[in-house]
Amino acid sequence: MKKAALILGVLLISFGVNAQVESNVKQNDLKGPAFKNYKVWMDKSEPVQVYSQIAIKPLEGPAYKNQQFSTSTPKENLVLVNTLSPGRKNLTGPAYKNYGPWSKNF
């Protein structure tokens, strides 16, 4: 009986330790006060790089209908789209969160 109580105590302690591990939760997964109090500057997600094609041939008729999207685009036809403004790129914390068009110095 003492062994069972000892094993049960160790399991309870280990569950408590696992509950304190920091989870990588996205803001979209949260609801209620957790969503409202989400700290954007503590987010560890990497910014996604978006690519766009330079030259796209306009298709019409059956060629447009039967085009294959699964074919890979050559890297020469791709260009990186800048999603962050240069003024906001180096900001962190509340300054990043509160940045807006009114923050620009003209």
PDB file of N, CA and C in Angstrom:
ATOM      1  N   MET A   1       0.819  -1.187   0.000  1.00  0.00           N
ATOM      2  CA  MET A   1       0.000   0.000   0.000  1.00  0.00           C
ATOM      3  C   MET A   1       0.869   1.259   0.000  1.00  0.00           C
ATOM      4  N   LYS A   2       1.986   1.193   0.719  1.00  0.00           N
ATOM      5  CA  LYS A   2       2.882   2.344   0.753  1.00  0.00           C
ATOM      6  C   LYS A   2       3.475   2.599  -0.627  1.00  0.00           C
ATOM      7  N   LYS A   3       3.775   1.526  -1.371  1.00  0.00           N
ATOM      8  CA  LYS A   3       4.325   1.680  -2.717  1.00  0.00           C
ATOM      9  C   LYS A   3       3.314   2.344  -3.650  1.00  0.00           C
ATOM     10  N   ALA A   4       2.053   1.947  -3.536  1.00  0.00           N
ATOM     11  CA  ALA A   4       1.016   2.539  -4.380  1.00  0.00           C
ATOM     12  C   ALA A   4       0.857   4.030  -4.070  1.00  0.00           C
ATOM     13  N   ALA A   5       0.900   4.382  -2.791  1.00  0.00           N
ATOM     14  CA  ALA A   5       0.780   5.786  -2.393  1.00  0.00           C
ATOM     15  C   ALA A   5       1.995   6.578  -2.877  1.00  0.00           C
ATOM     16  N   LEU A   6       3.181   5.982  -2.806  1.00  0.00           N
ATOM     17  CA  LEU A   6       4.392   6.651  -3.267  1.00  0.00           C
ATOM     18  C   LEU A   6       4.352   6.877  -4.789  1.00  0.00           C
ATOM     19  N   ILE A   7       3.925   5.870  -5.522  1.00  0.00           N
ATOM     20  CA  ILE A   7       3.818   5.995  -6.986  1.00  0.00           C
ATOM     21  C   ILE A   7       2.784   7.044  -7.351  1.00  0.00           C
ATOM     22  N   LEU A   8       1.656   7.044  -6.663  1.00  0.00           N
ATOM     23  CA  LEU A   8       0.613   8.030  -6.921  1.00  0.00           C
ATOM     24  C   LEU A   8       1.107   9.449  -6.624  1.00  0.00           C
ATOM     25  N   GLY A   9       1.868   9.607  -5.551  1.00  0.00           N
ATOM     26  CA  GLY A   9       2.430  10.923  -5.216  1.00  0.00           C
ATOM     27  C   GLY A   9       3.417  11.406  -6.263  1.00  0.00           C
ATOM     28  N   VAL A  10       4.266  10.525  -6.770  1.00  0.00           N
ATOM     29  CA  VAL A  10       5.232  10.892  -7.812  1.00  0.00           C
ATOM     30  C   VAL A  10       4.500  11.280  -9.092  1.00  0.00           C
ATOM     31  N   LEU A  11       3.445  10.549  -9.433  1.00  0.00           N
ATOM     32  CA  LEU A  11       2.668  10.887 -10.632  1.00  0.00           C
ATOM     33  C   LEU A  11       2.008  12.260 -10.510  1.00  0.00           C
ATOM     34  N   LEU A  12       1.460  12.562  -9.346  1.00  0.00           N
ATOM     35  CA  LEU A  12       0.823  13.862  -9.147  1.00  0.00           C
ATOM     36  C   LEU A  12       1.843  14.994  -9.258  1.00  0.00           C
ATOM     37  N   ILE A  13       3.017  14.804  -8.720  1.00  0.00           N
ATOM     38  CA  ILE A  13       4.059  15.829  -8.823  1.00  0.00           C
ATOM     39  C   ILE A  13       4.493  16.002 -10.271  1.00  0.00           C
ATOM     40  N   SER A  14       4.631  14.895 -11.000  1.00  0.00           N
ATOM     41  CA  SER A  14       5.074  14.997 -12.393  1.00  0.00           C
ATOM     42  C   SER A  14       4.018  15.677 -13.260  1.00  0.00           C
ATOM     43  N   PHE A  15       2.733  15.455 -12.969  1.00  0.00           N
ATOM     44  CA  PHE A  15       1.685  16.154 -13.718  1.00  0.00           C
ATOM     45  C   PHE A  15       1.721  17.647 -13.431  1.00  0.00           C
ATOM     46  N   GLY A  16       2.022  18.014 -12.205  1.00  0.00           N
ATOM     47  CA  GLY A  16       2.135  19.433 -11.854  1.00  0.00           C
ATOM     48  C   GLY A  16       3.291  20.097 -12.571  1.00  0.00           C
ATOM     49  N   VAL A  17       4.389  19.387 -12.730  1.00  0.00           N
ATOM     50  CA  VAL A  17       5.539  19.937 -13.443  1.00  0.00           C
ATOM     51  C   VAL A  17       5.212  20.094 -14.927  1.00  0.00           C
ATOM     52  N   ASN A  18       4.525  19.124 -15.521  1.00  0.00           N
ATOM     53  CA  ASN A  18       4.168  19.204 -16.938  1.00  0.00           C
ATOM     54  C   ASN A  18       3.162  20.317 -17.203  1.00  0.00           C
ATOM     55  N   ALA A  19       2.330  20.655 -16.234  1.00  0.00           N
ATOM     56  CA  ALA A  19       1.347  21.708 -16.417  1.00  0.00           C
ATOM     57  C   ALA A  19       2.008  23.081 -16.486  1.00  0.00           C
ATOM     58  N   GLN A  20       3.223  23.216 -15.952  1.00  0.00           N
ATOM     59  CA  GLN A  20       3.912  24.500 -15.950  1.00  0.00           C
ATOM     60  C   GLN A  20       4.751  24.728 -17.194  1.00  0.00           C
ATOM     61  N   VAL A  21       4.825  23.749 -18.081  1.00  0.00           N
ATOM     62  CA  VAL A  21       5.603  23.909 -19.302  1.00  0.00           C
ATOM     63  C   VAL A  21       4.908  24.920 -20.200  1.00  0.00           C
ATOM     64  N   GLU A  22       5.703  25.843 -20.755  1.00  0.00           N
ATOM     65  CA  GLU A  22       5.136  26.890 -21.608  1.00  0.00           C
ATOM     66  C   GLU A  22       4.652  26.281 -22.912  1.00  0.00           C
ATOM     67  N   SER A  23       3.416  26.561 -23.271  1.00  0.00           N
ATOM     68  CA  SER A  23       2.859  26.034 -24.504  1.00  0.00           C
ATOM     69  C   SER A  23       2.923  27.100 -25.590  1.00  0.00           C
ATOM     70  N   ASN A  24       3.039  26.662 -26.824  1.00  0.00           N
ATOM     71  CA  ASN A  24       3.091  27.581 -27.958  1.00  0.00           C
ATOM     72  C   ASN A  24       1.676  27.712 -28.522  1.00  0.00           C
ATOM     73  N   VAL A  25       0.877  28.586 -27.909  1.00  0.00           N
ATOM     74  CA  VAL A  25      -0.519  28.766 -28.280  1.00  0.00           C
ATOM     75  C   VAL A  25      -0.630  29.982 -29.180  1.00  0.00           C
ATOM     76  N   LYS A  26      -1.366  29.839 -30.265  1.00  0.00           N
ATOM     77  CA  LYS A  26      -1.595  30.964 -31.171  1.00  0.00           C
ATOM     78  C   LYS A  26      -2.759  31.801 -30.650  1.00  0.00           C
ATOM     79  N   GLN A  27      -2.783  33.052 -31.040  1.00  0.00           N
ATOM     80  CA  GLN A  27      -3.845  33.946 -30.586  1.00  0.00           C
ATOM     81  C   GLN A  27      -5.203  33.502 -31.113  1.00  0.00           C
ATOM     82  N   ASN A  28      -5.241  32.908 -32.291  1.00  0.00           N
ATOM     83  CA  ASN A  28      -6.513  32.470 -32.871  1.00  0.00           C
ATOM     84  C   ASN A  28      -7.132  31.311 -32.099  1.00  0.00           C
ATOM     85  N   ASP A  29      -6.330  30.578 -31.314  1.00  0.00           N
ATOM     86  CA  ASP A  29      -6.844  29.447 -30.553  1.00  0.00           C
ATOM     87  C   ASP A  29      -7.469  29.875 -29.227  1.00  0.00           C
ATOM     88  N   LEU A  30      -7.255  31.107 -28.820  1.00  0.00           N
ATOM     89  CA  LEU A  30      -7.725  31.569 -27.515  1.00  0.00           C
ATOM     90  C   LEU A  30      -9.109  32.194 -27.617  1.00  0.00           C
ATOM     91  N   LYS A  31      -9.830  32.163 -26.498  1.00  0.00           N
ATOM     92  CA  LYS A  31     -11.161  32.771 -26.423  1.00  0.00           C
ATOM     93  C   LYS A  31     -11.295  33.491 -25.090  1.00  0.00           C
ATOM     94  N   GLY A  32     -12.156  34.488 -25.072  1.00  0.00           N
ATOM     95  CA  GLY A  32     -12.467  35.195 -23.838  1.00  0.00           C
ATOM     96  C   GLY A  32     -11.334  36.065 -23.337  1.00  0.00           C
ATOM     97  N   PRO A  33     -11.122  36.101 -22.019  1.00  0.00           N
ATOM     98  CA  PRO A  33     -10.092  36.960 -21.435  1.00  0.00           C
ATOM     99  C   PRO A  33      -8.674  36.591 -21.886  1.00  0.00           C
ATOM    100  N   ALA A  34      -8.446  35.308 -22.174  1.00  0.00           N
ATOM    101  CA  ALA A  34      -7.118  34.912 -22.643  1.00  0.00           C
ATOM    102  C   ALA A  34      -6.814  35.545 -23.991  1.00  0.00           C
ATOM    103  N   PHE A  35      -7.821  35.671 -24.866  1.00  0.00           N
ATOM    104  CA  PHE A  35      -7.634  36.331 -26.165  1.00  0.00           C
ATOM    105  C   PHE A  35      -7.415  37.825 -25.970  1.00  0.00           C
ATOM    106  N   LYS A  36      -8.184  38.419 -25.062  1.00  0.00           N
ATOM    107  CA  LYS A  36      -8.083  39.861 -24.830  1.00  0.00           C
ATOM    108  C   LYS A  36      -6.728  40.232 -24.236  1.00  0.00           C
ATOM    109  N   ASN A  37      -6.214  39.415 -23.358  1.00  0.00           N
ATOM    110  CA  ASN A  37      -4.968  39.722 -22.658  1.00  0.00           C
ATOM    111  C   ASN A  37      -3.741  39.104 -23.313  1.00  0.00           C
ATOM    112  N   TYR A  38      -3.865  38.650 -24.562  1.00  0.00           N
ATOM    113  CA  TYR A  38      -2.742  38.046 -25.279  1.00  0.00           C
ATOM    114  C   TYR A  38      -1.667  39.099 -25.531  1.00  0.00           C
ATOM    115  N   LYS A  39      -0.428  38.776 -25.206  1.00  0.00           N
ATOM    116  CA  LYS A  39       0.671  39.719 -25.381  1.00  0.00           C
ATOM    117  C   LYS A  39       1.354  39.445 -26.715  1.00  0.00           C
ATOM    118  N   VAL A  40       1.158  40.347 -27.663  1.00  0.00           N
ATOM    119  CA  VAL A  40       1.640  40.169 -29.022  1.00  0.00           C
ATOM    120  C   VAL A  40       3.156  40.137 -29.059  1.00  0.00           C
ATOM    121  N   TRP A  41       3.814  40.949 -28.245  1.00  0.00           N
ATOM    122  CA  TRP A  41       5.261  41.028 -28.281  1.00  0.00           C
ATOM    123  C   TRP A  41       5.941  39.791 -27.697  1.00  0.00           C
ATOM    124  N   MET A  42       5.193  38.921 -27.027  1.00  0.00           N
ATOM    125  CA  MET A  42       5.781  37.686 -26.499  1.00  0.00           C
ATOM    126  C   MET A  42       5.580  36.514 -27.464  1.00  0.00           C
ATOM    127  N   ASP A  43       4.962  36.785 -28.600  1.00  0.00           N
ATOM    128  CA  ASP A  43       4.721  35.752 -29.598  1.00  0.00           C
ATOM    129  C   ASP A  43       6.039  35.361 -30.252  1.00  0.00           C
ATOM    130  N   LYS A  44       6.298  34.052 -30.347  1.00  0.00           N
ATOM    131  CA  LYS A  44       7.560  33.564 -30.880  1.00  0.00           C
ATOM    132  C   LYS A  44       7.444  33.081 -32.327  1.00  0.00           C
ATOM    133  N   SER A  45       6.336  33.349 -32.980  1.00  0.00           N
ATOM    134  CA  SER A  45       6.160  32.859 -34.343  1.00  0.00           C
ATOM    135  C   SER A  45       7.025  33.658 -35.317  1.00  0.00           C
ATOM    136  N   GLU A  46       7.498  32.984 -36.337  1.00  0.00           N
ATOM    137  CA  GLU A  46       8.317  33.613 -37.365  1.00  0.00           C
ATOM    138  C   GLU A  46       7.409  34.255 -38.410  1.00  0.00           C
ATOM    139  N   PRO A  47       7.787  35.409 -38.951  1.00  0.00           N
ATOM    140  CA  PRO A  47       6.972  35.995 -40.010  1.00  0.00           C
ATOM    141  C   PRO A  47       7.031  35.147 -41.273  1.00  0.00           C
ATOM    142  N   VAL A  48       5.919  35.037 -41.933  1.00  0.00           N
ATOM    143  CA  VAL A  48       5.822  34.216 -43.133  1.00  0.00           C
ATOM    144  C   VAL A  48       6.298  35.040 -44.326  1.00  0.00           C
ATOM    145  N   GLN A  49       7.123  34.431 -45.160  1.00  0.00           N
ATOM    146  CA  GLN A  49       7.571  35.111 -46.370  1.00  0.00           C
ATOM    147  C   GLN A  49       6.589  34.812 -47.493  1.00  0.00           C
ATOM    148  N   VAL A  50       6.124  35.864 -48.160  1.00  0.00           N
ATOM    149  CA  VAL A  50       5.142  35.735 -49.222  1.00  0.00           C
ATOM    150  C   VAL A  50       5.836  36.027 -50.548  1.00  0.00           C
ATOM    151  N   TYR A  51       5.635  35.130 -51.515  1.00  0.00           N
ATOM    152  CA  TYR A  51       6.207  35.303 -52.839  1.00  0.00           C
ATOM    153  C   TYR A  51       5.088  35.509 -53.847  1.00  0.00           C
ATOM    154  N   SER A  52       5.391  36.284 -54.877  1.00  0.00           N
ATOM    155  CA  SER A  52       4.440  36.540 -55.941  1.00  0.00           C
ATOM    156  C   SER A  52       5.145  36.349 -57.276  1.00  0.00           C
ATOM    157  N   GLN A  53       4.376  35.996 -58.295  1.00  0.00           N
ATOM    158  CA  GLN A  53       4.963  35.813 -59.615  1.00  0.00           C
ATOM    159  C   GLN A  53       5.147  37.163 -60.296  1.00  0.00           C
ATOM    160  N   ILE A  54       6.243  37.287 -61.046  1.00  0.00           N
ATOM    161  CA  ILE A  54       6.534  38.531 -61.750  1.00  0.00           C
ATOM    162  C   ILE A  54       5.650  38.652 -62.985  1.00  0.00           C
ATOM    163  N   ALA A  55       5.681  37.638 -63.820  1.00  0.00           N
ATOM    164  CA  ALA A  55       4.929  37.697 -65.075  1.00  0.00           C
ATOM    165  C   ALA A  55       3.967  36.518 -65.139  1.00  0.00           C
ATOM    166  N   ILE A  56       2.700  36.822 -65.234  1.00  0.00           N
ATOM    167  CA  ILE A  56       1.682  35.782 -65.355  1.00  0.00           C
ATOM    168  C   ILE A  56       1.008  35.964 -66.713  1.00  0.00           C
ATOM    169  N   LYS A  57       0.954  34.905 -67.484  1.00  0.00           N
ATOM    170  CA  LYS A  57       0.299  34.972 -68.788  1.00  0.00           C
ATOM    171  C   LYS A  57      -1.215  34.952 -68.587  1.00  0.00           C
ATOM    172  N   PRO A  58      -1.909  35.952 -69.121  1.00  0.00           N
ATOM    173  CA  PRO A  58      -3.374  35.935 -68.991  1.00  0.00           C
ATOM    174  C   PRO A  58      -3.964  34.847 -69.891  1.00  0.00           C
ATOM    175  N   LEU A  59      -4.725  33.963 -69.298  1.00  0.00           N
ATOM    176  CA  LEU A  59      -5.352  32.875 -70.040  1.00  0.00           C
ATOM    177  C   LEU A  59      -6.836  33.149 -70.204  1.00  0.00           C
ATOM    178  N   GLU A  60      -7.378  32.675 -71.309  1.00  0.00           N
ATOM    179  CA  GLU A  60      -8.801  32.818 -71.561  1.00  0.00           C
ATOM    180  C   GLU A  60      -9.350  31.518 -72.118  1.00  0.00           C
ATOM    181  N   GLY A  61     -10.625  31.325 -71.913  1.00  0.00           N
ATOM    182  CA  GLY A  61     -11.303  30.173 -72.490  1.00  0.00           C
ATOM    183  C   GLY A  61     -10.906  28.850 -71.849  1.00  0.00           C
ATOM    184  N   PRO A  62     -10.782  27.799 -72.661  1.00  0.00           N
ATOM    185  CA  PRO A  62     -10.463  26.474 -72.133  1.00  0.00           C
ATOM    186  C   PRO A  62      -9.090  26.400 -71.470  1.00  0.00           C
ATOM    187  N   ALA A  63      -8.156  27.210 -71.918  1.00  0.00           N
ATOM    188  CA  ALA A  63      -6.825  27.204 -71.302  1.00  0.00           C
ATOM    189  C   ALA A  63      -6.905  27.663 -69.844  1.00  0.00           C
ATOM    190  N   TYR A  64      -7.748  28.667 -69.554  1.00  0.00           N
ATOM    191  CA  TYR A  64      -7.930  29.131 -68.180  1.00  0.00           C
ATOM    192  C   TYR A  64      -8.613  28.064 -67.338  1.00  0.00           C
ATOM    193  N   LYS A  65      -9.593  27.419 -67.917  1.00  0.00           N
ATOM    194  CA  LYS A  65     -10.348  26.398 -67.198  1.00  0.00           C
ATOM    195  C   LYS A  65      -9.484  25.180 -66.881  1.00  0.00           C
ATOM    196  N   ASN A  66      -8.599  24.815 -67.776  1.00  0.00           N
ATOM    197  CA  ASN A  66      -7.821  23.593 -67.624  1.00  0.00           C
ATOM    198  C   ASN A  66      -6.408  23.828 -67.113  1.00  0.00           C
ATOM    199  N   GLN A  67      -6.102  25.000 -66.564  1.00  0.00           N
ATOM    200  CA  GLN A  67      -4.743  25.252 -66.082  1.00  0.00           C
ATOM    201  C   GLN A  67      -4.454  24.404 -64.843  1.00  0.00           C
ATOM    202  N   GLN A  68      -3.200  24.011 -64.699  1.00  0.00           N
ATOM    203  CA  GLN A  68      -2.766  23.167 -63.589  1.00  0.00           C
ATOM    204  C   GLN A  68      -2.050  24.035 -62.554  1.00  0.00           C
ATOM    205  N   PHE A  69      -2.593  24.106 -61.349  1.00  0.00           N
ATOM    206  CA  PHE A  69      -1.976  24.892 -60.287  1.00  0.00           C
ATOM    207  C   PHE A  69      -0.902  24.106 -59.549  1.00  0.00           C
ATOM    208  N   SER A  70      -0.880  22.808 -59.709  1.00  0.00           N
ATOM    209  CA  SER A  70       0.074  21.999 -58.968  1.00  0.00           C
ATOM    210  C   SER A  70       1.481  22.059 -59.562  1.00  0.00           C
ATOM    211  N   THR A  71       1.630  22.605 -60.756  1.00  0.00           N
ATOM    212  CA  THR A  71       2.963  22.703 -61.344  1.00  0.00           C
ATOM    213  C   THR A  71       3.757  23.754 -60.596  1.00  0.00           C
ATOM    214  N   SER A  72       5.031  23.472 -60.381  1.00  0.00           N
ATOM    215  CA  SER A  72       5.860  24.400 -59.620  1.00  0.00           C
ATOM    216  C   SER A  72       6.285  25.578 -60.492  1.00  0.00           C
ATOM    217  N   THR A  73       6.386  26.726 -59.878  1.00  0.00           N
ATOM    218  CA  THR A  73       6.812  27.931 -60.564  1.00  0.00           C
ATOM    219  C   THR A  73       8.325  28.049 -60.451  1.00  0.00           C
ATOM    220  N   PRO A  74       9.034  28.351 -61.535  1.00  0.00           N
ATOM    221  CA  PRO A  74      10.483  28.517 -61.426  1.00  0.00           C
ATOM    222  C   PRO A  74      10.837  29.691 -60.510  1.00  0.00           C
ATOM    223  N   LYS A  75      11.942  29.573 -59.806  1.00  0.00           N
ATOM    224  CA  LYS A  75      12.333  30.607 -58.844  1.00  0.00           C
ATOM    225  C   LYS A  75      12.676  31.928 -59.512  1.00  0.00           C
ATOM    226  N   GLU A  76      12.995  31.915 -60.801  1.00  0.00           N
ATOM    227  CA  GLU A  76      13.307  33.167 -61.490  1.00  0.00           C
ATOM    228  C   GLU A  76      12.066  34.049 -61.610  1.00  0.00           C
ATOM    229  N   ASN A  77      10.883  33.458 -61.614  1.00  0.00           N
ATOM    230  CA  ASN A  77       9.641  34.220 -61.782  1.00  0.00           C
ATOM    231  C   ASN A  77       9.043  34.683 -60.457  1.00  0.00           C
ATOM    232  N   LEU A  78       9.693  34.397 -59.332  1.00  0.00           N
ATOM    233  CA  LEU A  78       9.149  34.767 -58.027  1.00  0.00           C
ATOM    234  C   LEU A  78       9.872  35.977 -57.463  1.00  0.00           C
ATOM    235  N   VAL A  79       9.129  36.814 -56.775  1.00  0.00           N
ATOM    236  CA  VAL A  79       9.703  37.971 -56.094  1.00  0.00           C
ATOM    237  C   VAL A  79       9.128  38.008 -54.672  1.00  0.00           C
ATOM    238  N   LEU A  80       9.964  38.369 -53.704  1.00  0.00           N
ATOM    239  CA  LEU A  80       9.543  38.432 -52.307  1.00  0.00           C
ATOM    240  C   LEU A  80       8.724  39.703 -52.079  1.00  0.00           C
ATOM    241  N   VAL A  81       7.559  39.547 -51.439  1.00  0.00           N
ATOM    242  CA  VAL A  81       6.680  40.673 -51.150  1.00  0.00           C
ATOM    243  C   VAL A  81       7.024  41.189 -49.755  1.00  0.00           C
ATOM    244  N   ASN A  82       7.266  42.484 -49.639  1.00  0.00           N
ATOM    245  CA  ASN A  82       7.586  43.098 -48.353  1.00  0.00           C
ATOM    246  C   ASN A  82       6.291  43.337 -47.586  1.00  0.00           C
ATOM    247  N   THR A  83       6.105  42.618 -46.474  1.00  0.00           N
ATOM    248  CA  THR A  83       4.864  42.726 -45.711  1.00  0.00           C
ATOM    249  C   THR A  83       4.981  43.674 -44.533  1.00  0.00           C
ATOM    250  N   LEU A  84       6.194  43.998 -44.104  1.00  0.00           N
ATOM    251  CA  LEU A  84       6.384  44.906 -42.973  1.00  0.00           C
ATOM    252  C   LEU A  84       6.942  46.229 -43.462  1.00  0.00           C
ATOM    253  N   SER A  85       6.435  47.299 -42.916  1.00  0.00           N
ATOM    254  CA  SER A  85       6.990  48.602 -43.260  1.00  0.00           C
ATOM    255  C   SER A  85       8.341  48.743 -42.571  1.00  0.00           C
ATOM    256  N   PRO A  86       9.274  49.499 -43.136  1.00  0.00           N
ATOM    257  CA  PRO A  86      10.597  49.618 -42.535  1.00  0.00           C
ATOM    258  C   PRO A  86      10.566  50.244 -41.151  1.00  0.00           C
ATOM    259  N   GLY A  87       9.606  51.119 -40.864  1.00  0.00           N
ATOM    260  CA  GLY A  87       9.535  51.741 -39.553  1.00  0.00           C
ATOM    261  C   GLY A  87       9.095  50.783 -38.470  1.00  0.00           C
ATOM    262  N   ARG A  88       8.322  49.783 -38.800  1.00  0.00           N
ATOM    263  CA  ARG A  88       7.786  48.856 -37.817  1.00  0.00           C
ATOM    264  C   ARG A  88       8.666  47.618 -37.654  1.00  0.00           C
ATOM    265  N   LYS A  89       9.614  47.445 -38.538  1.00  0.00           N
ATOM    266  CA  LYS A  89      10.403  46.223 -38.571  1.00  0.00           C
ATOM    267  C   LYS A  89      11.232  46.023 -37.303  1.00  0.00           C
ATOM    268  N   ASN A  90      11.784  47.096 -36.757  1.00  0.00           N
ATOM    269  CA  ASN A  90      12.681  46.980 -35.604  1.00  0.00           C
ATOM    270  C   ASN A  90      11.987  47.224 -34.273  1.00  0.00           C
ATOM    271  N   LEU A  91      10.697  47.453 -34.268  1.00  0.00           N
ATOM    272  CA  LEU A  91       9.975  47.712 -33.022  1.00  0.00           C
ATOM    273  C   LEU A  91       9.602  46.414 -32.324  1.00  0.00           C
ATOM    274  N   THR A  92       9.574  46.439 -31.008  1.00  0.00           N
ATOM    275  CA  THR A  92       9.108  45.302 -30.213  1.00  0.00           C
ATOM    276  C   THR A  92       8.248  45.833 -29.080  1.00  0.00           C
ATOM    277  N   GLY A  93       7.490  44.937 -28.485  1.00  0.00           N
ATOM    278  CA  GLY A  93       6.693  45.279 -27.318  1.00  0.00           C
ATOM    279  C   GLY A  93       5.491  46.140 -27.644  1.00  0.00           C
ATOM    280  N   PRO A  94       5.079  46.959 -26.699  1.00  0.00           N
ATOM    281  CA  PRO A  94       3.905  47.800 -26.903  1.00  0.00           C
ATOM    282  C   PRO A  94       4.067  48.806 -28.047  1.00  0.00           C
ATOM    283  N   ALA A  95       5.302  49.220 -28.333  1.00  0.00           N
ATOM    284  CA  ALA A  95       5.517  50.146 -29.445  1.00  0.00           C
ATOM    285  C   ALA A  95       5.121  49.489 -30.762  1.00  0.00           C
ATOM    286  N   TYR A  96       5.387  48.186 -30.913  1.00  0.00           N
ATOM    287  CA  TYR A  96       4.991  47.455 -32.122  1.00  0.00           C
ATOM    288  C   TYR A  96       3.473  47.335 -32.180  1.00  0.00           C
ATOM    289  N   LYS A  97       2.868  47.038 -31.052  1.00  0.00           N
ATOM    290  CA  LYS A  97       1.421  46.838 -31.005  1.00  0.00           C
ATOM    291  C   LYS A  97       0.671  48.136 -31.294  1.00  0.00           C
ATOM    292  N   ASN A  98       1.173  49.259 -30.810  1.00  0.00           N
ATOM    293  CA  ASN A  98       0.476  50.533 -30.942  1.00  0.00           C
ATOM    294  C   ASN A  98       0.915  51.335 -32.156  1.00  0.00           C
ATOM    295  N   TYR A  99       1.711  50.741 -33.033  1.00  0.00           N
ATOM    296  CA  TYR A  99       2.180  51.452 -34.218  1.00  0.00           C
ATOM    297  C   TYR A  99       1.032  51.648 -35.194  1.00  0.00           C
ATOM    298  N   GLY A 100       0.930  52.818 -35.778  1.00  0.00           N
ATOM    299  CA  GLY A 100      -0.124  53.091 -36.746  1.00  0.00           C
ATOM    300  C   GLY A 100       0.305  54.172 -37.712  1.00  0.00           C
ATOM    301  N   PRO A 101      -0.557  54.526 -38.651  1.00  0.00           N
ATOM    302  CA  PRO A 101      -0.196  55.545 -39.629  1.00  0.00           C
ATOM    303  C   PRO A 101       0.067  56.907 -38.989  1.00  0.00           C
ATOM    304  N   TRP A 102      -0.509  57.162 -37.826  1.00  0.00           N
ATOM    305  CA  TRP A 102      -0.283  58.416 -37.131  1.00  0.00           C
ATOM    306  C   TRP A 102       1.095  58.478 -36.493  1.00  0.00           C
ATOM    307  N   SER A 103       1.814  57.339 -36.414  1.00  0.00           N
ATOM    308  CA  SER A 103       3.118  57.280 -35.773  1.00  0.00           C
ATOM    309  C   SER A 103       4.253  57.724 -36.680  1.00  0.00           C
ATOM    310  N   LYS A 104       3.982  57.914 -37.947  1.00  0.00           N
ATOM    311  CA  LYS A 104       5.042  58.257 -38.900  1.00  0.00           C
ATOM    312  C   LYS A 104       5.454  59.721 -38.731  1.00  0.00           C
ATOM    313  N   ASN A 105       6.754  59.946 -38.798  1.00  0.00           N
ATOM    314  CA  ASN A 105       7.264  61.316 -38.764  1.00  0.00           C
ATOM    315  C   ASN A 105       7.508  61.776 -40.187  1.00  0.00           C
ATOM    316  N   PHE A 106       6.744  62.782 -40.604  1.00  0.00           N
ATOM    317  CA  PHE A 106       6.881  63.258 -41.986  1.00  0.00           C
ATOM    318  C   PHE A 106       7.906  64.352 -42.056  1.00  0.00           C
TER     319      PHE A 106
END
